[in-house]
Amino acid sequence: MGYASGKINISSVDQTKRDVIKSNFERSIKLLESKKENIGIISAANKLDCFSEQKVSPSLSDSCILAQKETIPVLTEDFLYLKMNELETKKKAPEYCSSLSLLRVLYEHKKLASMNTWISLIIFHPTVSGFCPLQ
């Protein structure tokens, strides 16, 4: 599953599952975009002139930069990028949480109905970060 340039792309053979995931994805995006304070912008002016902030995909670098700027944790699977950025920029790596760890804790605390609901509840970029708008 991916979201780029306002388009949602999903590859799945099960059409019913695909439709549920797409619907949850669209609902989550609308919920996040419904309040302007939920939207942050990282411009080129906010980035240092270094590989980890200029050459790495914005979907990865921007979440790190925003987390550093606002001293907030980032949901990511890419701890190594955070450390690389810290070493290169001399900025402290933000605290982080793995989406899989978050899901495990939510499941253990009975916040998720089953392991099968994980895919339809969490949205994340496979190499970096994402958001988990669970209600």
Foldseek 3Di string as FASTA:
>chain_A
DDADPRDDDDDDPDVVVVVLLVVLVVVVVCVQVVDPVSDDDDDPVLFDPDCLQPVDDCLANVQFSVCLVVLHEFAWPAPVSLVVCCVVVVGHGHHYDYVVVVVVVCVVVVVDVDPVCVSSQFDADVHTGGDGPRD
